[in-house]
């Protein structure tokens, strides 16, 4: 369970950094040409975001399974 959360956290941190870089770039070149130049990068970041959220969902499913397995049963 912890490994799932660590992996999700690592991929989320990478995405956060790359989004920060994108924001910094846009801050220095907020022109139509500057924003258009980021189209392919934005597509890649959208795909990365999907992968990050998939890993987060998996980590949450793993945690829920674990917690449900240790929950006392009702009699």
N, C-alpha and C. Protein backbone atom coordinates (compact mmCIF):
# COMPACT_ATOMS: atom_id res chain seq x y z
N UNK A 1 0.83 -1.17 0.00
CA UNK A 1 0.00 0.00 0.00
C UNK A 1 0.88 1.24 0.00
N UNK A 2 1.88 1.28 0.86
CA UNK A 2 2.75 2.45 0.93
C UNK A 2 3.52 2.65 -0.37
N UNK A 3 3.93 1.54 -0.98
CA UNK A 3 4.66 1.64 -2.24
C UNK A 3 3.79 2.28 -3.32
N UNK A 4 2.51 1.92 -3.35
CA UNK A 4 1.60 2.51 -4.33
C UNK A 4 1.50 4.02 -4.14
N UNK A 5 1.41 4.46 -2.89
CA UNK A 5 1.33 5.90 -2.62
C UNK A 5 2.64 6.60 -2.94
N UNK A 6 3.75 5.95 -2.66
CA UNK A 6 5.05 6.56 -2.97
C UNK A 6 5.22 6.73 -4.47
N UNK A 7 4.85 5.70 -5.23
CA UNK A 7 4.96 5.79 -6.69
C UNK A 7 4.05 6.88 -7.25
N UNK A 8 2.84 6.94 -6.74
CA UNK A 8 1.91 7.98 -7.19
C UNK A 8 2.45 9.36 -6.83
N UNK A 9 3.01 9.48 -5.64
CA UNK A 9 3.57 10.76 -5.21
C UNK A 9 4.74 11.20 -6.07
N UNK A 10 5.58 10.25 -6.46
CA UNK A 10 6.73 10.58 -7.30
C UNK A 10 6.28 11.06 -8.68
N UNK A 11 5.31 10.37 -9.27
CA UNK A 11 4.84 10.79 -10.59
C UNK A 11 4.09 12.12 -10.51
N UNK A 12 3.39 12.34 -9.40
CA UNK A 12 2.70 13.62 -9.22
C UNK A 12 3.71 14.75 -9.07
N UNK A 13 4.79 14.51 -8.37
CA UNK A 13 5.82 15.54 -8.19
C UNK A 13 6.48 15.88 -9.53
N UNK A 14 6.74 14.89 -10.35
CA UNK A 14 7.30 15.15 -11.68
C UNK A 14 6.35 16.01 -12.52
N UNK A 15 5.08 15.67 -12.48
CA UNK A 15 4.09 16.45 -13.23
C UNK A 15 4.00 17.87 -12.69
N UNK A 16 4.03 18.03 -11.39
CA UNK A 16 3.96 19.35 -10.77
C UNK A 16 5.14 20.21 -11.23
N UNK A 17 6.33 19.61 -11.28
CA UNK A 17 7.51 20.35 -11.71
C UNK A 17 7.39 20.77 -13.17
N UNK A 18 6.95 19.85 -14.01
CA UNK A 18 6.82 20.16 -15.43
C UNK A 18 5.75 21.23 -15.67
N UNK A 19 4.65 21.17 -14.92
CA UNK A 19 3.63 22.21 -15.04
C UNK A 19 4.19 23.56 -14.57
N UNK A 20 5.00 23.54 -13.53
CA UNK A 20 5.64 24.77 -13.05
C UNK A 20 6.55 25.36 -14.10
N UNK A 21 7.30 24.50 -14.79
CA UNK A 21 8.16 24.97 -15.88
C UNK A 21 7.33 25.60 -17.00
N UNK A 22 6.21 24.98 -17.29
CA UNK A 22 5.30 25.50 -18.33
C UNK A 22 4.78 26.88 -17.94
N UNK A 23 4.42 27.04 -16.69
CA UNK A 23 3.92 28.33 -16.19
C UNK A 23 5.01 29.38 -16.28
N UNK A 24 6.22 29.01 -15.90
CA UNK A 24 7.35 29.95 -15.98
C UNK A 24 7.58 30.40 -17.41
N UNK A 25 7.56 29.45 -18.35
CA UNK A 25 7.75 29.77 -19.76
C UNK A 25 6.66 30.74 -20.24
N UNK A 26 5.41 30.43 -19.91
CA UNK A 26 4.32 31.30 -20.34
C UNK A 26 4.44 32.69 -19.74
N UNK A 27 4.96 32.77 -18.52
CA UNK A 27 5.16 34.07 -17.89
C UNK A 27 6.17 34.93 -18.63
N UNK A 28 7.09 34.28 -19.32
CA UNK A 28 8.12 35.03 -20.05
C UNK A 28 7.75 35.25 -21.52
N UNK A 29 6.78 34.48 -22.04
CA UNK A 29 6.41 34.63 -23.45
C UNK A 29 4.91 34.40 -23.62
N UNK A 30 4.13 35.30 -23.07
CA UNK A 30 2.68 35.17 -23.13
C UNK A 30 2.16 35.87 -24.40
N UNK A 31 2.53 35.29 -25.53
CA UNK A 31 2.10 35.78 -26.83
C UNK A 31 1.40 34.64 -27.55
N UNK A 32 0.66 34.94 -28.60
CA UNK A 32 0.02 33.84 -29.33
C UNK A 32 1.05 32.81 -29.83
N UNK A 33 2.19 33.29 -30.29
CA UNK A 33 3.23 32.37 -30.76
C UNK A 33 3.81 31.54 -29.62
N UNK A 34 3.97 32.17 -28.46
CA UNK A 34 4.51 31.46 -27.30
C UNK A 34 3.57 30.37 -26.81
N UNK A 35 2.28 30.69 -26.76
CA UNK A 35 1.32 29.69 -26.32
C UNK A 35 1.16 28.58 -27.35
N UNK A 36 1.18 28.93 -28.63
CA UNK A 36 1.06 27.92 -29.69
C UNK A 36 2.25 26.97 -29.68
N UNK A 37 3.42 27.49 -29.31
CA UNK A 37 4.62 26.64 -29.30
C UNK A 37 4.55 25.54 -28.24
N UNK A 38 3.64 25.69 -27.30
CA UNK A 38 3.51 24.71 -26.21
C UNK A 38 2.47 23.63 -26.49
N UNK A 39 1.84 23.66 -27.65
CA UNK A 39 0.76 22.71 -27.95
C UNK A 39 1.20 21.25 -27.78
N UNK A 40 2.31 20.87 -28.38
CA UNK A 40 2.72 19.47 -28.27
C UNK A 40 3.12 19.13 -26.84
N UNK A 41 3.71 20.08 -26.15
CA UNK A 41 4.09 19.86 -24.74
C UNK A 41 2.84 19.71 -23.88
N UNK A 42 1.83 20.51 -24.17
CA UNK A 42 0.58 20.43 -23.41
C UNK A 42 -0.09 19.07 -23.62
N UNK A 43 -0.04 18.57 -24.85
CA UNK A 43 -0.61 17.24 -25.11
C UNK A 43 0.11 16.18 -24.30
N UNK A 44 1.43 16.28 -24.23
CA UNK A 44 2.22 15.31 -23.45
C UNK A 44 1.88 15.43 -21.95
N UNK A 45 1.72 16.65 -21.47
CA UNK A 45 1.39 16.85 -20.05
C UNK A 45 -0.01 16.32 -19.73
N UNK A 46 -0.94 16.46 -20.67
CA UNK A 46 -2.27 15.90 -20.46
C UNK A 46 -2.20 14.38 -20.32
N UNK A 47 -1.39 13.75 -21.16
CA UNK A 47 -1.20 12.29 -21.07
C UNK A 47 -0.56 11.92 -19.74
N UNK A 48 0.45 12.69 -19.34
CA UNK A 48 1.11 12.44 -18.05
C UNK A 48 0.12 12.58 -16.91
N UNK A 49 -0.74 13.59 -16.99
CA UNK A 49 -1.75 13.79 -15.96
C UNK A 49 -2.68 12.60 -15.84
N UNK A 50 -3.07 12.05 -16.98
CA UNK A 50 -3.93 10.87 -16.97
C UNK A 50 -3.22 9.70 -16.29
N UNK A 51 -1.94 9.52 -16.58
CA UNK A 51 -1.17 8.44 -15.95
C UNK A 51 -1.04 8.66 -14.44
N UNK A 52 -0.81 9.91 -14.04
CA UNK A 52 -0.69 10.22 -12.61
C UNK A 52 -1.99 9.90 -11.89
N UNK A 53 -3.12 10.33 -12.45
CA UNK A 53 -4.39 10.07 -11.79
C UNK A 53 -4.73 8.59 -11.77
N UNK A 54 -4.29 7.84 -12.77
CA UNK A 54 -4.47 6.38 -12.76
C UNK A 54 -3.69 5.76 -11.61
N UNK A 55 -2.45 6.23 -11.41
CA UNK A 55 -1.64 5.70 -10.29
C UNK A 55 -2.25 6.09 -8.94
N UNK A 56 -2.77 7.30 -8.84
CA UNK A 56 -3.42 7.72 -7.60
C UNK A 56 -4.65 6.86 -7.34
N UNK A 57 -5.46 6.63 -8.37
CA UNK A 57 -6.64 5.77 -8.21
C UNK A 57 -6.24 4.37 -7.75
N UNK A 58 -5.17 3.83 -8.34
CA UNK A 58 -4.70 2.50 -7.95
C UNK A 58 -4.26 2.49 -6.48
N UNK A 59 -3.55 3.53 -6.06
CA UNK A 59 -3.09 3.61 -4.68
C UNK A 59 -4.29 3.67 -3.73
N UNK A 60 -5.30 4.43 -4.09
CA UNK A 60 -6.49 4.53 -3.24
C UNK A 60 -7.25 3.21 -3.19
N UNK A 61 -7.33 2.52 -4.32
CA UNK A 61 -7.98 1.20 -4.33
C UNK A 61 -7.22 0.22 -3.45
N UNK A 62 -5.90 0.27 -3.51
CA UNK A 62 -5.07 -0.61 -2.68
C UNK A 62 -5.29 -0.30 -1.20
N UNK A 63 -5.33 0.98 -0.87
CA UNK A 63 -5.55 1.37 0.53
C UNK A 63 -6.93 0.94 1.00
N UNK A 64 -7.94 1.15 0.18
CA UNK A 64 -9.29 0.74 0.56
C UNK A 64 -9.38 -0.77 0.78
N UNK A 65 -8.74 -1.53 -0.08
CA UNK A 65 -8.74 -2.99 0.08
C UNK A 65 -8.06 -3.38 1.39
N UNK A 66 -6.94 -2.74 1.67
CA UNK A 66 -6.23 -3.03 2.91
C UNK A 66 -7.09 -2.70 4.13
N UNK A 67 -7.65 -1.49 4.15
CA UNK A 67 -8.45 -1.07 5.30
C UNK A 67 -9.70 -1.94 5.46
N UNK A 68 -10.31 -2.33 4.35
CA UNK A 68 -11.45 -3.22 4.44
C UNK A 68 -11.07 -4.59 4.96
N UNK A 69 -9.85 -5.03 4.67
CA UNK A 69 -9.41 -6.36 5.14
C UNK A 69 -9.14 -6.37 6.64
N UNK A 70 -8.84 -5.23 7.22
CA UNK A 70 -8.55 -5.22 8.66
C UNK A 70 -9.74 -4.71 9.48
N UNK A 71 -10.79 -4.32 8.81
CA UNK A 71 -12.00 -3.85 9.50
C UNK A 71 -12.69 -5.05 10.15
N UNK A 72 -13.07 -4.89 11.40
CA UNK A 72 -13.78 -6.01 12.03
C UNK A 72 -15.12 -6.27 11.34
N UNK A 73 -15.48 -7.52 11.25
CA UNK A 73 -16.75 -7.86 10.63
C UNK A 73 -17.88 -7.70 11.65
N UNK A 74 -19.03 -7.32 11.15
CA UNK A 74 -20.21 -7.19 12.03
C UNK A 74 -20.80 -8.56 12.23
N UNK A 75 -21.22 -8.81 13.44
CA UNK A 75 -21.82 -10.13 13.69
C UNK A 75 -23.32 -10.05 13.75
